[in-house]
Amino acid sequence: MCIFCKIVNKEIPSNLVAENDDFMAFHDINPKAPIHILIIPKQHVESFHEVSGEMMAAITPFIQEIAVKTGVSKTGYRVISNIGENGGQEVKHLHWHLLGGARLAWGHFADADAKDFF
């Protein structure tokens, strides 16, 4: 059982922001921004590549509610889902990072040269 499934089952504590029957949102333990919330489906889905359109339709308003609740909906925020090893996915359970609370830099590729990847 993955760490996020253990959080869903309340086997591991989390700093919960919100939850409903289908989704949970909690603070990331290693924040990369003043506001860094992880948003997960309670049902185990390995990654964005496997998610259904129905789940995406259902989680969209939940993510939007979290942005309002955390106060970033008006100032701006970033929503990220890492997919697979090269995409930086560390936990094999579909999740989104909601980052905000400050002007966010685009640091990962800020000084990368695209030619280096080909």
C-alpha atoms as a PDB file:
ATOM      1  CA  MET A   1       0.000   0.000   0.000  1.00  0.00           C
ATOM      2  CA  CYS A   2       1.423   3.401  -0.972  1.00  0.00           C
ATOM      3  CA  ILE A   3       1.958   6.267   1.465  1.00  0.00           C
ATOM      4  CA  PHE A   4      -0.997   8.248   0.092  1.00  0.00           C
ATOM      5  CA  CYS A   5      -3.337   5.259   0.501  1.00  0.00           C
ATOM      6  CA  LYS A   6      -2.139   5.058   4.115  1.00  0.00           C
ATOM      7  CA  ILE A   7      -2.990   8.756   4.548  1.00  0.00           C
ATOM      8  CA  VAL A   8      -6.445   8.137   3.053  1.00  0.00           C
ATOM      9  CA  ASN A   9      -6.938   5.240   5.498  1.00  0.00           C
ATOM     10  CA  LYS A  10      -5.765   7.459   8.414  1.00  0.00           C
ATOM     11  CA  GLU A  11      -2.839   5.110   9.108  1.00  0.00           C
ATOM     12  CA  ILE A  12      -0.456   8.051   8.661  1.00  0.00           C
ATOM     13  CA  PRO A  13      -1.407  11.544   9.876  1.00  0.00           C
ATOM     14  CA  SER A  14      -1.568  14.517   7.543  1.00  0.00           C
ATOM     15  CA  ASN A  15      -2.066  18.232   7.947  1.00  0.00           C
ATOM     16  CA  LEU A  16      -5.472  18.103   6.284  1.00  0.00           C
ATOM     17  CA  VAL A  17      -6.832  21.107   4.415  1.00  0.00           C
ATOM     18  CA  ALA A  18     -10.057  19.544   3.115  1.00  0.00           C
ATOM     19  CA  GLU A  19     -11.625  16.268   2.092  1.00  0.00           C
ATOM     20  CA  ASN A  20     -14.831  14.890   0.686  1.00  0.00           C
ATOM     21  CA  ASP A  21     -15.965  11.383  -0.217  1.00  0.00           C
ATOM     22  CA  ASP A  22     -13.587  11.189  -3.188  1.00  0.00           C
ATOM     23  CA  PHE A  23     -10.603  13.510  -2.617  1.00  0.00           C
ATOM     24  CA  MET A  24      -8.208  14.822   0.025  1.00  0.00           C
ATOM     25  CA  ALA A  25      -5.991  17.900   0.230  1.00  0.00           C
ATOM     26  CA  PHE A  26      -3.176  18.269   2.745  1.00  0.00           C
ATOM     27  CA  HIS A  27       0.007  20.275   3.256  1.00  0.00           C
ATOM     28  CA  ASP A  28       3.186  18.922   1.662  1.00  0.00           C
ATOM     29  CA  ILE A  29       5.774  17.977   4.298  1.00  0.00           C
ATOM     30  CA  ASN A  30       8.544  19.434   2.098  1.00  0.00           C
ATOM     31  CA  PRO A  31       7.002  22.668   0.755  1.00  0.00           C
ATOM     32  CA  LYS A  32       8.452  24.388  -2.293  1.00  0.00           C
ATOM     33  CA  ALA A  33       6.322  27.534  -1.894  1.00  0.00           C
ATOM     34  CA  PRO A  34       4.613  29.365   0.997  1.00  0.00           C
ATOM     35  CA  ILE A  35       1.486  27.389   0.118  1.00  0.00           C
ATOM     36  CA  HIS A  36       2.130  23.853  -1.089  1.00  0.00           C
ATOM     37  CA  ILE A  37      -0.859  21.532  -0.941  1.00  0.00           C
ATOM     38  CA  LEU A  38      -1.062  17.963  -2.231  1.00  0.00           C
ATOM     39  CA  ILE A  39      -4.411  16.969  -3.708  1.00  0.00           C
ATOM     40  CA  ILE A  40      -5.172  13.276  -4.178  1.00  0.00           C
ATOM     41  CA  PRO A  41      -8.046  11.016  -5.122  1.00  0.00           C
ATOM     42  CA  LYS A  42      -8.935   8.584  -2.353  1.00  0.00           C
ATOM     43  CA  GLN A  43      -9.109   5.836  -4.959  1.00  0.00           C
ATOM     44  CA  HIS A  44      -5.639   4.599  -5.900  1.00  0.00           C
ATOM     45  CA  VAL A  45      -4.728   5.617  -9.458  1.00  0.00           C
ATOM     46  CA  GLU A  46      -1.036   5.362 -10.287  1.00  0.00           C
ATOM     47  CA  SER A  47      -0.612   8.562 -12.312  1.00  0.00           C
ATOM     48  CA  PHE A  48      -2.228  11.167 -14.517  1.00  0.00           C
ATOM     49  CA  HIS A  49      -1.626   8.857 -17.473  1.00  0.00           C
ATOM     50  CA  GLU A  50      -4.203   6.408 -16.052  1.00  0.00           C
ATOM     51  CA  VAL A  51      -6.813   8.880 -14.754  1.00  0.00           C
ATOM     52  CA  SER A  52     -10.323   8.799 -16.211  1.00  0.00           C
ATOM     53  CA  GLY A  53     -12.055  11.805 -17.683  1.00  0.00           C
ATOM     54  CA  GLU A  54     -14.777  11.399 -15.060  1.00  0.00           C
ATOM     55  CA  MET A  55     -12.274  11.717 -12.228  1.00  0.00           C
ATOM     56  CA  MET A  56     -10.692  14.772 -13.845  1.00  0.00           C
ATOM     57  CA  ALA A  57     -14.108  16.381 -14.173  1.00  0.00           C
ATOM     58  CA  ALA A  58     -14.818  15.690 -10.502  1.00  0.00           C
ATOM     59  CA  ILE A  59     -11.476  16.828  -9.093  1.00  0.00           C
ATOM     60  CA  THR A  60     -11.333  20.125 -10.994  1.00  0.00           C
ATOM     61  CA  PRO A  61     -13.849  21.947  -8.758  1.00  0.00           C
ATOM     62  CA  PHE A  62     -12.200  20.404  -5.677  1.00  0.00           C
ATOM     63  CA  ILE A  63      -8.815  21.865  -6.689  1.00  0.00           C
ATOM     64  CA  GLN A  64     -10.485  25.217  -7.364  1.00  0.00           C
ATOM     65  CA  GLU A  65     -12.072  25.126  -3.882  1.00  0.00           C
ATOM     66  CA  ILE A  66      -8.655  24.486  -2.327  1.00  0.00           C
ATOM     67  CA  ALA A  67      -7.253  27.511  -4.179  1.00  0.00           C
ATOM     68  CA  VAL A  68     -10.055  29.649  -2.712  1.00  0.00           C
ATOM     69  CA  LYS A  69      -9.677  28.151   0.767  1.00  0.00           C
ATOM     70  CA  THR A  70      -5.906  28.785   0.837  1.00  0.00           C
ATOM     71  CA  GLY A  71      -6.295  32.341  -0.470  1.00  0.00           C
ATOM     72  CA  VAL A  72      -4.427  31.971  -3.762  1.00  0.00           C
ATOM     73  CA  SER A  73      -7.343  31.990  -6.191  1.00  0.00           C
ATOM     74  CA  LYS A  74      -7.100  35.736  -6.807  1.00  0.00           C
ATOM     75  CA  THR A  75      -3.305  36.178  -6.710  1.00  0.00           C
ATOM     76  CA  GLY A  76      -2.413  33.116  -8.781  1.00  0.00           C
ATOM     77  CA  TYR A  77      -1.131  29.630  -8.267  1.00  0.00           C
ATOM     78  CA  ARG A  78       0.347  26.651 -10.067  1.00  0.00           C
ATOM     79  CA  VAL A  79      -1.111  23.129 -10.339  1.00  0.00           C
ATOM     80  CA  ILE A  80       1.362  20.385 -11.237  1.00  0.00           C
ATOM     81  CA  SER A  81       1.112  16.634 -11.662  1.00  0.00           C
ATOM     82  CA  ASN A  82       4.378  14.802 -12.206  1.00  0.00           C
ATOM     83  CA  ILE A  83       4.055  11.652 -14.332  1.00  0.00           C
ATOM     84  CA  GLY A  84       6.577   8.820 -14.301  1.00  0.00           C
ATOM     85  CA  GLU A  85      10.270   8.752 -13.481  1.00  0.00           C
ATOM     86  CA  ASN A  86      11.382  11.370 -16.022  1.00  0.00           C
ATOM     87  CA  GLY A  87       8.508  13.612 -14.982  1.00  0.00           C
ATOM     88  CA  GLY A  88       9.672  13.548 -11.363  1.00  0.00           C
ATOM     89  CA  GLN A  89       6.854  11.446  -9.888  1.00  0.00           C
ATOM     90  CA  GLU A  90       8.068  10.170  -6.519  1.00  0.00           C
ATOM     91  CA  VAL A  91       4.851   8.640  -5.154  1.00  0.00           C
ATOM     92  CA  LYS A  92       3.034   6.282  -7.505  1.00  0.00           C
ATOM     93  CA  HIS A  93      -0.410   7.622  -6.575  1.00  0.00           C
ATOM     94  CA  LEU A  94      -2.021  10.322  -8.689  1.00  0.00           C
ATOM     95  CA  HIS A  95      -1.572  13.691  -7.044  1.00  0.00           C
ATOM     96  CA  TRP A  96      -1.403  17.367  -7.836  1.00  0.00           C
ATOM     97  CA  HIS A  97       0.755  20.004  -6.217  1.00  0.00           C
ATOM     98  CA  LEU A  98      -1.003  23.326  -5.685  1.00  0.00           C
ATOM     99  CA  LEU A  99       1.684  25.977  -5.158  1.00  0.00           C
ATOM    100  CA  GLY A 100       1.166  29.638  -4.401  1.00  0.00           C
ATOM    101  CA  GLY A 101       1.472  32.386  -1.850  1.00  0.00           C
ATOM    102  CA  ALA A 102       4.317  34.132  -3.677  1.00  0.00           C
ATOM    103  CA  ARG A 103       5.468  34.981  -7.184  1.00  0.00           C
ATOM    104  CA  LEU A 104       6.641  31.587  -8.445  1.00  0.00           C
ATOM    105  CA  ALA A 105       9.786  31.288 -10.530  1.00  0.00           C
ATOM    106  CA  TRP A 106      10.132  28.711 -13.265  1.00  0.00           C
ATOM    107  CA  GLY A 107      13.378  27.334 -11.934  1.00  0.00           C
ATOM    108  CA  HIS A 108      13.619  23.840 -13.378  1.00  0.00           C
ATOM    109  CA  PHE A 109      14.498  24.965 -16.886  1.00  0.00           C
ATOM    110  CA  ALA A 110      15.399  28.596 -16.259  1.00  0.00           C
ATOM    111  CA  ASP A 111      18.941  28.177 -17.537  1.00  0.00           C
ATOM    112  CA  ALA A 112      18.543  24.975 -19.545  1.00  0.00           C
ATOM    113  CA  ASP A 113      19.372  24.881 -23.222  1.00  0.00           C
ATOM    114  CA  ALA A 114      16.889  22.746 -25.181  1.00  0.00           C
ATOM    115  CA  LYS A 115      19.735  21.524 -27.419  1.00  0.00           C
ATOM    116  CA  ASP A 116      21.115  19.670 -24.387  1.00  0.00           C
ATOM    117  CA  PHE A 117      18.080  17.352 -24.420  1.00  0.00           C
ATOM    118  CA  PHE A 118      18.397  16.193 -28.034  1.00  0.00           C
END
